Amino acid sequence: MKYAVIEISGRQFWVEEGNFYDVNKVHAQPGETIILNKVLFLNKEGLIQFGSPCIDSFVIKAKVLKHLKSRKITVFKMKSKKNMKSKNGHRQDLTRLLIQEI
């Protein structure tokens, strides 16, 4: 079983080959292949490698499937006795990546 722990957009993901993951927006077109070089941990059929902090000689190839938005969250702020109310919504931009090669 091949898997790795990688860092994308400031977050760490445990990834396997052939699966897709939703990450914060990556500036690449759908259908493009991107190279992920921040590999923190690697298990390749029993061969285990730890990075300090990254494994320099290893990269992971991922394909951008599509860009999407997360579900909407509501942010409500209020100050009592001051008649101040604020209601906003937010939807985070995401990118769906397919891990092609570890």
PDB file of N, CA and C in Angstrom:
ATOM      1  N   MET A   1       0.847  -1.183   0.000  1.00  0.00           N
ATOM      2  CA  MET A   1       0.000   0.000   0.000  1.00  0.00           C
ATOM      3  C   MET A   1       0.888   1.240   0.000  1.00  0.00           C
ATOM      4  N   LYS A   2       0.673   2.102  -0.990  1.00  0.00           N
ATOM      5  CA  LYS A   2       1.462   3.321  -1.096  1.00  0.00           C
ATOM      6  C   LYS A   2       0.635   4.493  -0.587  1.00  0.00           C
ATOM      7  N   TYR A   3       1.220   5.252   0.323  1.00  0.00           N
ATOM      8  CA  TYR A   3       0.579   6.480   0.776  1.00  0.00           C
ATOM      9  C   TYR A   3       1.642   7.453   1.221  1.00  0.00           C
ATOM     10  N   ALA A   4       1.225   8.716   1.339  1.00  0.00           N
ATOM     11  CA  ALA A   4       2.161   9.769   1.716  1.00  0.00           C
ATOM     12  C   ALA A   4       1.407  10.842   2.488  1.00  0.00           C
ATOM     13  N   VAL A   5       2.151  11.617   3.261  1.00  0.00           N
ATOM     14  CA  VAL A   5       1.617  12.808   3.910  1.00  0.00           C
ATOM     15  C   VAL A   5       2.267  13.988   3.206  1.00  0.00           C
ATOM     16  N   ILE A   6       1.421  14.848   2.629  1.00  0.00           N
ATOM     17  CA  ILE A   6       1.932  15.985   1.871  1.00  0.00           C
ATOM     18  C   ILE A   6       1.332  17.274   2.415  1.00  0.00           C
ATOM     19  N   GLU A   7       1.971  18.382   2.064  1.00  0.00           N
ATOM     20  CA  GLU A   7       1.462  19.694   2.454  1.00  0.00           C
ATOM     21  C   GLU A   7       1.038  20.450   1.199  1.00  0.00           C
ATOM     22  N   ILE A   8      -0.241  20.877   1.198  1.00  0.00           N
ATOM     23  CA  ILE A   8      -0.785  21.667   0.096  1.00  0.00           C
ATOM     24  C   ILE A   8      -1.519  22.850   0.705  1.00  0.00           C
ATOM     25  N   SER A   9      -1.218  24.041   0.266  1.00  0.00           N
ATOM     26  CA  SER A   9      -1.906  25.263   0.704  1.00  0.00           C
ATOM     27  C   SER A   9      -1.897  25.426   2.219  1.00  0.00           C
ATOM     28  N   GLY A  10      -0.809  25.044   2.860  1.00  0.00           N
ATOM     29  CA  GLY A  10      -0.690  25.224   4.303  1.00  0.00           C
ATOM     30  C   GLY A  10      -1.355  24.148   5.136  1.00  0.00           C
ATOM     31  N   ARG A  11      -1.953  23.136   4.516  1.00  0.00           N
ATOM     32  CA  ARG A  11      -2.596  22.046   5.249  1.00  0.00           C
ATOM     33  C   ARG A  11      -1.939  20.728   4.875  1.00  0.00           C
ATOM     34  N   GLN A  12      -1.981  19.769   5.804  1.00  0.00           N
ATOM     35  CA  GLN A  12      -1.381  18.466   5.559  1.00  0.00           C
ATOM     36  C   GLN A  12      -2.467  17.452   5.224  1.00  0.00           C
ATOM     37  N   PHE A  13      -2.186  16.596   4.231  1.00  0.00           N
ATOM     38  CA  PHE A  13      -3.133  15.583   3.784  1.00  0.00           C
ATOM     39  C   PHE A  13      -2.442  14.232   3.719  1.00  0.00           C
ATOM     40  N   TRP A  14      -3.169  13.198   4.146  1.00  0.00           N
ATOM     41  CA  TRP A  14      -2.744  11.811   4.016  1.00  0.00           C
ATOM     42  C   TRP A  14      -3.338  11.329   2.708  1.00  0.00           C
ATOM     43  N   VAL A  15      -2.511  11.059   1.687  1.00  0.00           N
ATOM     44  CA  VAL A  15      -3.018  10.767   0.347  1.00  0.00           C
ATOM     45  C   VAL A  15      -2.602   9.380  -0.114  1.00  0.00           C
ATOM     46  N   GLU A  16      -3.472   8.792  -0.943  1.00  0.00           N
ATOM     47  CA  GLU A  16      -3.203   7.517  -1.593  1.00  0.00           C
ATOM     48  C   GLU A  16      -3.346   7.706  -3.097  1.00  0.00           C
ATOM     49  N   GLU A  17      -2.680   6.865  -3.854  1.00  0.00           N
ATOM     50  CA  GLU A  17      -2.739   6.929  -5.302  1.00  0.00           C
ATOM     51  C   GLU A  17      -4.128   6.509  -5.787  1.00  0.00           C
ATOM     52  N   GLY A  18      -4.692   7.288  -6.717  1.00  0.00           N
ATOM     53  CA  GLY A  18      -5.994   6.954  -7.287  1.00  0.00           C
ATOM     54  C   GLY A  18      -7.173   7.612  -6.591  1.00  0.00           C
ATOM     55  N   ASN A  19      -6.970   8.249  -5.450  1.00  0.00           N
ATOM     56  CA  ASN A  19      -8.050   8.936  -4.734  1.00  0.00           C
ATOM     57  C   ASN A  19      -8.029  10.423  -5.058  1.00  0.00           C
ATOM     58  N   PHE A  20      -9.170  11.091  -4.842  1.00  0.00           N
ATOM     59  CA  PHE A  20      -9.207  12.536  -5.044  1.00  0.00           C
ATOM     60  C   PHE A  20      -9.462  13.233  -3.722  1.00  0.00           C
ATOM     61  N   TYR A  21      -8.960  14.481  -3.627  1.00  0.00           N
ATOM     62  CA  TYR A  21      -9.017  15.260  -2.397  1.00  0.00           C
ATOM     63  C   TYR A  21      -9.393  16.693  -2.735  1.00  0.00           C
ATOM     64  N   ASP A  22     -10.181  17.320  -1.840  1.00  0.00           N
ATOM     65  CA  ASP A  22     -10.545  18.726  -1.986  1.00  0.00           C
ATOM     66  C   ASP A  22      -9.609  19.562  -1.128  1.00  0.00           C
ATOM     67  N   VAL A  23      -8.872  20.460  -1.767  1.00  0.00           N
ATOM     68  CA  VAL A  23      -7.905  21.308  -1.071  1.00  0.00           C
ATOM     69  C   VAL A  23      -8.254  22.765  -1.356  1.00  0.00           C
ATOM     70  N   ASN A  24      -7.654  23.687  -0.598  1.00  0.00           N
ATOM     71  CA  ASN A  24      -7.835  25.108  -0.883  1.00  0.00           C
ATOM     72  C   ASN A  24      -7.384  25.387  -2.313  1.00  0.00           C
ATOM     73  N   LYS A  25      -7.930  26.428  -2.902  1.00  0.00           N
ATOM     74  CA  LYS A  25      -7.757  26.669  -4.335  1.00  0.00           C
ATOM     75  C   LYS A  25      -6.294  26.684  -4.767  1.00  0.00           C
ATOM     76  N   VAL A  26      -6.027  25.916  -5.825  1.00  0.00           N
ATOM     77  CA  VAL A  26      -4.721  25.865  -6.469  1.00  0.00           C
ATOM     78  C   VAL A  26      -4.876  26.572  -7.810  1.00  0.00           C
ATOM     79  N   HIS A  27      -3.954  27.470  -8.133  1.00  0.00           N
ATOM     80  CA  HIS A  27      -4.061  28.248  -9.367  1.00  0.00           C
ATOM     81  C   HIS A  27      -3.522  27.435 -10.540  1.00  0.00           C
ATOM     82  N   ALA A  28      -4.378  26.541 -11.043  1.00  0.00           N
ATOM     83  CA  ALA A  28      -4.069  25.731 -12.218  1.00  0.00           C
ATOM     84  C   ALA A  28      -5.390  25.442 -12.925  1.00  0.00           C
ATOM     85  N   GLN A  29      -5.327  25.209 -14.214  1.00  0.00           N
ATOM     86  CA  GLN A  29      -6.529  24.949 -15.002  1.00  0.00           C
ATOM     87  C   GLN A  29      -6.977  23.495 -14.823  1.00  0.00           C
ATOM     88  N   PRO A  30      -8.290  23.227 -14.909  1.00  0.00           N
ATOM     89  CA  PRO A  30      -8.762  21.836 -14.865  1.00  0.00           C
ATOM     90  C   PRO A  30      -8.153  21.026 -16.006  1.00  0.00           C
ATOM     91  N   GLY A  31      -7.708  19.820 -15.691  1.00  0.00           N
ATOM     92  CA  GLY A  31      -7.037  18.965 -16.660  1.00  0.00           C
ATOM     93  C   GLY A  31      -5.525  19.059 -16.607  1.00  0.00           C
ATOM     94  N   GLU A  32      -4.994  20.076 -15.948  1.00  0.00           N
ATOM     95  CA  GLU A  32      -3.552  20.262 -15.828  1.00  0.00           C
ATOM     96  C   GLU A  32      -2.976  19.293 -14.794  1.00  0.00           C
ATOM     97  N   THR A  33      -1.751  18.861 -14.999  1.00  0.00           N
ATOM     98  CA  THR A  33      -1.041  18.037 -14.025  1.00  0.00           C
ATOM     99  C   THR A  33      -0.089  18.932 -13.245  1.00  0.00           C
ATOM    100  N   ILE A  34      -0.136  18.820 -11.918  1.00  0.00           N
ATOM    101  CA  ILE A  34       0.743  19.631 -11.075  1.00  0.00           C
ATOM    102  C   ILE A  34       1.676  18.709 -10.302  1.00  0.00           C
ATOM    103  N   ILE A  35       2.807  19.252  -9.903  1.00  0.00           N
ATOM    104  CA  ILE A  35       3.821  18.525  -9.146  1.00  0.00           C
ATOM    105  C   ILE A  35       3.765  19.004  -7.701  1.00  0.00           C
ATOM    106  N   LEU A  36       3.600  18.075  -6.772  1.00  0.00           N
ATOM    107  CA  LEU A  36       3.584  18.381  -5.342  1.00  0.00           C
ATOM    108  C   LEU A  36       4.909  17.910  -4.758  1.00  0.00           C
ATOM    109  N   ASN A  37       5.741  18.863  -4.305  1.00  0.00           N
ATOM    110  CA  ASN A  37       7.077  18.489  -3.848  1.00  0.00           C
ATOM    111  C   ASN A  37       7.254  18.599  -2.340  1.00  0.00           C
ATOM    112  N   LYS A  38       6.223  18.992  -1.597  1.00  0.00           N
ATOM    113  CA  LYS A  38       6.330  19.053  -0.138  1.00  0.00           C
ATOM    114  C   LYS A  38       5.823  17.741   0.457  1.00  0.00           C
ATOM    115  N   VAL A  39       6.634  16.699   0.333  1.00  0.00           N
ATOM    116  CA  VAL A  39       6.293  15.370   0.853  1.00  0.00           C
ATOM    117  C   VAL A  39       6.926  15.245   2.234  1.00  0.00           C
ATOM    118  N   LEU A  40       6.093  15.070   3.257  1.00  0.00           N
ATOM    119  CA  LEU A  40       6.578  15.008   4.630  1.00  0.00           C
ATOM    120  C   LEU A  40       6.861  13.580   5.087  1.00  0.00           C
ATOM    121  N   PHE A  41       6.084  12.623   4.574  1.00  0.00           N
ATOM    122  CA  PHE A  41       6.215  11.223   4.978  1.00  0.00           C
ATOM    123  C   PHE A  41       5.837  10.361   3.786  1.00  0.00           C
ATOM    124  N   LEU A  42       6.518   9.224   3.638  1.00  0.00           N
ATOM    125  CA  LEU A  42       6.261   8.350   2.499  1.00  0.00           C
ATOM    126  C   LEU A  42       6.338   6.897   2.936  1.00  0.00           C
ATOM    127  N   ASN A  43       5.334   6.111   2.547  1.00  0.00           N
ATOM    128  CA  ASN A  43       5.351   4.664   2.738  1.00  0.00           C
ATOM    129  C   ASN A  43       5.090   4.047   1.375  1.00  0.00           C
ATOM    130  N   LYS A  44       6.132   3.476   0.800  1.00  0.00           N
ATOM    131  CA  LYS A  44       6.034   2.903  -0.540  1.00  0.00           C
ATOM    132  C   LYS A  44       6.365   1.423  -0.447  1.00  0.00           C
ATOM    133  N   GLU A  45       5.303   0.610  -0.265  1.00  0.00           N
ATOM    134  CA  GLU A  45       5.421  -0.847  -0.148  1.00  0.00           C
ATOM    135  C   GLU A  45       6.441  -1.256   0.905  1.00  0.00           C
ATOM    136  N   GLY A  46       6.302  -0.716   2.103  1.00  0.00           N
ATOM    137  CA  GLY A  46       7.174  -1.092   3.214  1.00  0.00           C
ATOM    138  C   GLY A  46       8.382  -0.199   3.393  1.00  0.00           C
ATOM    139  N   LEU A  47       8.768   0.541   2.367  1.00  0.00           N
ATOM    140  CA  LEU A  47       9.884   1.480   2.471  1.00  0.00           C
ATOM    141  C   LEU A  47       9.355   2.773   3.077  1.00  0.00           C
ATOM    142  N   ILE A  48       9.773   3.071   4.304  1.00  0.00           N
ATOM    143  CA  ILE A  48       9.269   4.233   5.024  1.00  0.00           C
ATOM    144  C   ILE A  48      10.349   5.304   5.053  1.00  0.00           C
ATOM    145  N   GLN A  49       9.968   6.535   4.689  1.00  0.00           N
ATOM    146  CA  GLN A  49      10.893   7.664   4.718  1.00  0.00           C
ATOM    147  C   GLN A  49      10.234   8.833   5.434  1.00  0.00           C
ATOM    148  N   PHE A  50      10.991   9.475   6.307  1.00  0.00           N
ATOM    149  CA  PHE A  50      10.551  10.685   6.984  1.00  0.00           C
ATOM    150  C   PHE A  50      11.356  11.851   6.435  1.00  0.00           C
ATOM    151  N   GLY A  51      10.707  12.983   6.274  1.00  0.00           N
ATOM    152  CA  GLY A  51      11.409  14.181   5.843  1.00  0.00           C
ATOM    153  C   GLY A  51      11.751  15.040   7.037  1.00  0.00           C
ATOM    154  N   SER A  52      12.719  15.922   6.856  1.00  0.00           N
ATOM    155  CA  SER A  52      13.045  16.843   7.946  1.00  0.00           C
ATOM    156  C   SER A  52      13.213  18.253   7.387  1.00  0.00           C
ATOM    157  N   PRO A  53      12.208  19.001   7.074  1.00  0.00           N
ATOM    158  CA  PRO A  53      10.787  18.659   7.151  1.00  0.00           C
ATOM    159  C   PRO A  53      10.256  17.965   5.902  1.00  0.00           C
ATOM    160  N   CYS A  54      10.935  18.060   4.746  1.00  0.00           N
ATOM    161  CA  CYS A  54      10.428  17.460   3.509  1.00  0.00           C
ATOM    162  C   CYS A  54      11.446  16.491   2.927  1.00  0.00           C
ATOM    163  N   ILE A  55      10.943  15.543   2.137  1.00  0.00           N
ATOM    164  CA  ILE A  55      11.809  14.631   1.390  1.00  0.00           C
ATOM    165  C   ILE A  55      12.145  15.333   0.075  1.00  0.00           C
ATOM    166  N   ASP A  56      13.412  15.694  -0.104  1.00  0.00           N
ATOM    167  CA  ASP A  56      13.809  16.518  -1.245  1.00  0.00           C
ATOM    168  C   ASP A  56      13.780  15.767  -2.574  1.00  0.00           C
ATOM    169  N   SER A  57      14.066  14.481  -2.562  1.00  0.00           N
ATOM    170  CA  SER A  57      14.237  13.740  -3.804  1.00  0.00           C
ATOM    171  C   SER A  57      12.951  13.082  -4.286  1.00  0.00           C
ATOM    172  N   PHE A  58      11.811  13.514  -3.803  1.00  0.00           N
ATOM    173  CA  PHE A  58      10.568  12.831  -4.147  1.00  0.00           C
ATOM    174  C   PHE A  58       9.470  13.827  -4.480  1.00  0.00           C
ATOM    175  N   VAL A  59       8.692  13.542  -5.519  1.00  0.00           N
ATOM    176  CA  VAL A  59       7.558  14.389  -5.906  1.00  0.00           C
ATOM    177  C   VAL A  59       6.338  13.504  -6.158  1.00  0.00           C
ATOM    178  N   ILE A  60       5.167  14.114  -6.067  1.00  0.00           N
ATOM    179  CA  ILE A  60       3.903  13.430  -6.323  1.00  0.00           C
ATOM    180  C   ILE A  60       3.203  14.177  -7.447  1.00  0.00           C
ATOM    181  N   LYS A  61       2.646  13.428  -8.411  1.00  0.00           N
ATOM    182  CA  LYS A  61       1.928  14.037  -9.528  1.00  0.00           C
ATOM    183  C   LYS A  61       0.432  13.969  -9.251  1.00  0.00           C
ATOM    184  N   ALA A  62      -0.239  15.109  -9.439  1.00  0.00           N
ATOM    185  CA  ALA A  62      -1.683  15.187  -9.233  1.00  0.00           C
ATOM    186  C   ALA A  62      -2.314  15.926 -10.404  1.00  0.00           C
ATOM    187  N   LYS A  63      -3.547  15.547 -10.724  1.00  0.00           N
ATOM    188  CA  LYS A  63      -4.280  16.175 -11.818  1.00  0.00           C
ATOM    189  C   LYS A  63      -5.415  17.001 -11.234  1.00  0.00           C
ATOM    190  N   VAL A  64      -5.580  18.222 -11.734  1.00  0.00           N
ATOM    191  CA  VAL A  64      -6.670  19.096 -11.292  1.00  0.00           C
ATOM    192  C   VAL A  64      -7.941  18.645 -12.010  1.00  0.00           C
ATOM    193  N   LEU A  65      -8.932  18.175 -11.242  1.00  0.00           N
ATOM    194  CA  LEU A  65     -10.184  17.726 -11.842  1.00  0.00           C
ATOM    195  C   LEU A  65     -11.141  18.886 -12.078  1.00  0.00           C
ATOM    196  N   LYS A  66     -11.377  19.702 -11.040  1.00  0.00           N
ATOM    197  CA  LYS A  66     -12.275  20.844 -11.197  1.00  0.00           C
ATOM    198  C   LYS A  66     -12.120  21.795 -10.028  1.00  0.00           C
ATOM    199  N   HIS A  67     -12.659  22.998 -10.203  1.00  0.00           N
ATOM    200  CA  HIS A  67     -12.721  23.986  -9.135  1.00  0.00           C
ATOM    201  C   HIS A  67     -14.161  24.021  -8.633  1.00  0.00           C
ATOM    202  N   LEU A  68     -14.330  24.126  -7.319  1.00  0.00           N
ATOM    203  CA  LEU A  68     -15.654  24.143  -6.729  1.00  0.00           C
ATOM    204  C   LEU A  68     -15.651  25.014  -5.493  1.00  0.00           C
ATOM    205  N   LYS A  69     -16.818  25.143  -4.862  1.00  0.00           N
ATOM    206  CA  LYS A  69     -16.941  25.921  -3.630  1.00  0.00           C
ATOM    207  C   LYS A  69     -17.475  25.019  -2.535  1.00  0.00           C
ATOM    208  N   SER A  70     -17.057  25.313  -1.301  1.00  0.00           N
ATOM    209  CA  SER A  70     -17.538  24.533  -0.163  1.00  0.00           C
ATOM    210  C   SER A  70     -18.955  24.966   0.187  1.00  0.00           C
ATOM    211  N   ARG A  71     -19.556  24.280   1.156  1.00  0.00           N
ATOM    212  CA  ARG A  71     -20.897  24.680   1.578  1.00  0.00           C
ATOM    213  C   ARG A  71     -20.816  26.018   2.300  1.00  0.00           C
ATOM    214  N   LYS A  72     -21.921  26.717   2.330  1.00  0.00           N
ATOM    215  CA  LYS A  72     -21.944  28.069   2.877  1.00  0.00           C
ATOM    216  C   LYS A  72     -21.995  28.034   4.398  1.00  0.00           C
ATOM    217  N   ILE A  73     -21.181  28.883   5.031  1.00  0.00           N
ATOM    218  CA  ILE A  73     -21.267  29.068   6.474  1.00  0.00           C
ATOM    219  C   ILE A  73     -21.759  30.485   6.726  1.00  0.00           C
ATOM    220  N   THR A  74     -22.474  30.648   7.827  1.00  0.00           N
ATOM    221  CA  THR A  74     -23.025  31.949   8.184  1.00  0.00           C
ATOM    222  C   THR A  74     -22.243  32.518   9.349  1.00  0.00           C
ATOM    223  N   VAL A  75     -21.805  33.768   9.205  1.00  0.00           N
ATOM    224  CA  VAL A  75     -21.079  34.468  10.259  1.00  0.00           C
ATOM    225  C   VAL A  75     -21.993  35.577  10.762  1.00  0.00           C
ATOM    226  N   PHE A  76     -22.348  35.524  12.047  1.00  0.00           N
ATOM    227  CA  PHE A  76     -23.250  36.520  12.631  1.00  0.00           C
ATOM    228  C   PHE A  76     -22.550  37.181  13.795  1.00  0.00           C
ATOM    229  N   LYS A  77     -22.447  38.520  13.743  1.00  0.00           N
ATOM    230  CA  LYS A  77     -21.825  39.288  14.819  1.00  0.00           C
ATOM    231  C   LYS A  77     -22.868  40.236  15.387  1.00  0.00           C
ATOM    232  N   MET A  78     -22.841  40.391  16.707  1.00  0.00           N
ATOM    233  CA  MET A  78     -23.801  41.268  17.348  1.00  0.00           C
ATOM    234  C   MET A  78     -23.186  41.856  18.607  1.00  0.00           C
ATOM    235  N   LYS A  79     -23.454  43.132  18.847  1.00  0.00           N
ATOM    236  CA  LYS A  79     -23.053  43.765  20.100  1.00  0.00           C
ATOM    237  C   LYS A  79     -24.322  44.152  20.833  1.00  0.00           C
ATOM    238  N   SER A  80     -24.457  43.638  22.028  1.00  0.00           N
ATOM    239  CA  SER A  80     -25.674  43.906  22.784  1.00  0.00           C
ATOM    240  C   SER A  80     -25.735  45.370  23.202  1.00  0.00           C
ATOM    241  N   LYS A  81     -26.923  45.887  23.238  1.00  0.00           N
ATOM    242  CA  LYS A  81     -27.232  47.259  23.679  1.00  0.00           C
ATOM    243  C   LYS A  81     -26.663  48.333  22.752  1.00  0.00           C
ATOM    244  N   LYS A  82     -26.100  47.974  21.628  1.00  0.00           N
ATOM    245  CA  LYS A  82     -25.507  48.957  20.708  1.00  0.00           C
ATOM    246  C   LYS A  82     -26.207  48.973  19.348  1.00  0.00           C
ATOM    247  N   ASN A  83     -27.191  48.119  19.153  1.00  0.00           N
ATOM    248  CA  ASN A  83     -27.932  48.015  17.892  1.00  0.00           C
ATOM    249  C   ASN A  83     -26.983  47.755  16.712  1.00  0.00           C
ATOM    250  N   MET A  84     -25.972  46.912  16.944  1.00  0.00           N
ATOM    251  CA  MET A  84     -25.025  46.554  15.891  1.00  0.00           C
ATOM    252  C   MET A  84     -25.189  45.068  15.588  1.00  0.00           C
ATOM    253  N   LYS A  85     -25.596  44.776  14.362  1.00  0.00           N
ATOM    254  CA  LYS A  85     -25.745  43.397  13.924  1.00  0.00           C
ATOM    255  C   LYS A  85     -25.145  43.280  12.530  1.00  0.00           C
ATOM    256  N   SER A  86     -24.481  42.165  12.290  1.00  0.00           N
ATOM    257  CA  SER A  86     -23.870  41.928  10.992  1.00  0.00           C
ATOM    258  C   SER A  86     -24.008  40.450  10.666  1.00  0.00           C
ATOM    259  N   LYS A  87     -24.562  40.140   9.506  1.00  0.00           N
ATOM    260  CA  LYS A  87     -24.728  38.751   9.087  1.00  0.00           C
ATOM    261  C   LYS A  87     -24.099  38.594   7.712  1.00  0.00           C
ATOM    262  N   ASN A  88     -23.112  37.730   7.620  1.00  0.00           N
ATOM    263  CA  ASN A  88     -22.398  37.488   6.370  1.00  0.00           C
ATOM    264  C   ASN A  88     -22.328  35.995   6.105  1.00  0.00           C
ATOM    265  N   GLY A  89     -22.171  35.643   4.844  1.00  0.00           N
ATOM    266  CA  GLY A  89     -21.959  34.255   4.462  1.00  0.00           C
ATOM    267  C   GLY A  89     -20.607  34.117   3.786  1.00  0.00           C
ATOM    268  N   HIS A  90     -20.069  32.903   3.814  1.00  0.00           N
ATOM    269  CA  HIS A  90     -18.771  32.661   3.179  1.00  0.00           C
ATOM    270  C   HIS A  90     -18.763  31.269   2.562  1.00  0.00           C
ATOM    271  N   ARG A  91     -18.241  31.187   1.330  1.00  0.00           N
ATOM    272  CA  ARG A  91     -18.019  29.900   0.664  1.00  0.00           C
ATOM    273  C   ARG A  91     -16.566  29.874   0.200  1.00  0.00           C
ATOM    274  N   GLN A  92     -15.817  28.906   0.690  1.00  0.00           N
ATOM    275  CA  GLN A  92     -14.395  28.788   0.372  1.00  0.00           C
ATOM    276  C   GLN A  92     -14.212  28.200  -1.023  1.00  0.00           C
ATOM    277  N   ASP A  93     -13.285  28.756  -1.799  1.00  0.00           N
ATOM    278  CA  ASP A  93     -12.934  28.200  -3.105  1.00  0.00           C
ATOM    279  C   ASP A  93     -12.048  26.980  -2.899  1.00  0.00           C
ATOM    280  N   LEU A  94     -12.399  25.869  -3.560  1.00  0.00           N
ATOM    281  CA  LEU A  94     -11.667  24.616  -3.424  1.00  0.00           C
ATOM    282  C   LEU A  94     -11.242  24.109  -4.797  1.00  0.00           C
ATOM    283  N   THR A  95     -10.274  23.211  -4.794  1.00  0.00           N
ATOM    284  CA  THR A  95      -9.834  22.521  -5.997  1.00  0.00           C
ATOM    285  C   THR A  95      -9.833  21.033  -5.703  1.00  0.00           C
ATOM    286  N   ARG A  96     -10.391  20.247  -6.614  1.00  0.00           N
ATOM    287  CA  ARG A  96     -10.396  18.788  -6.454  1.00  0.00           C
ATOM    288  C   ARG A  96      -9.206  18.219  -7.220  1.00  0.00           C
ATOM    289  N   LEU A  97      -8.315  17.529  -6.481  1.00  0.00           N
ATOM    290  CA  LEU A  97      -7.105  16.943  -7.061  1.00  0.00           C
ATOM    291  C   LEU A  97      -7.206  15.430  -7.075  1.00  0.00           C
ATOM    292  N   LEU A  98      -6.771  14.815  -8.174  1.00  0.00           N
ATOM    293  CA  LEU A  98      -6.663  13.364  -8.286  1.00  0.00           C
ATOM    294  C   LEU A  98      -5.185  13.007  -8.201  1.00  0.00           C
ATOM    295  N   ILE A  99      -4.822  12.186  -7.224  1.00  0.00           N
ATOM    296  CA  ILE A  99      -3.424  11.777  -7.064  1.00  0.00           C
ATOM    297  C   ILE A  99      -3.137  10.690  -8.096  1.00  0.00           C
ATOM    298  N   GLN A 100      -2.254  10.987  -9.050  1.00  0.00           N
ATOM    299  CA  GLN A 100      -1.970  10.062 -10.139  1.00  0.00           C
ATOM    300  C   GLN A 100      -0.807   9.129  -9.839  1.00  0.00           C
ATOM    301  N   GLU A 101       0.243   9.673  -9.248  1.00  0.00           N
ATOM    302  CA  GLU A 101       1.462   8.865  -9.094  1.00  0.00           C
ATOM    303  C   GLU A 101       2.168   9.212  -7.799  1.00  0.00           C
ATOM    304  N   ILE A 102       2.453   8.171  -7.034  1.00  0.00           N
ATOM    305  CA  ILE A 102       3.268   8.331  -5.821  1.00  0.00           C
ATOM    306  C   ILE A 102       4.572   7.607  -6.069  1.00  0.00           C
TER     307      ILE A 102
END
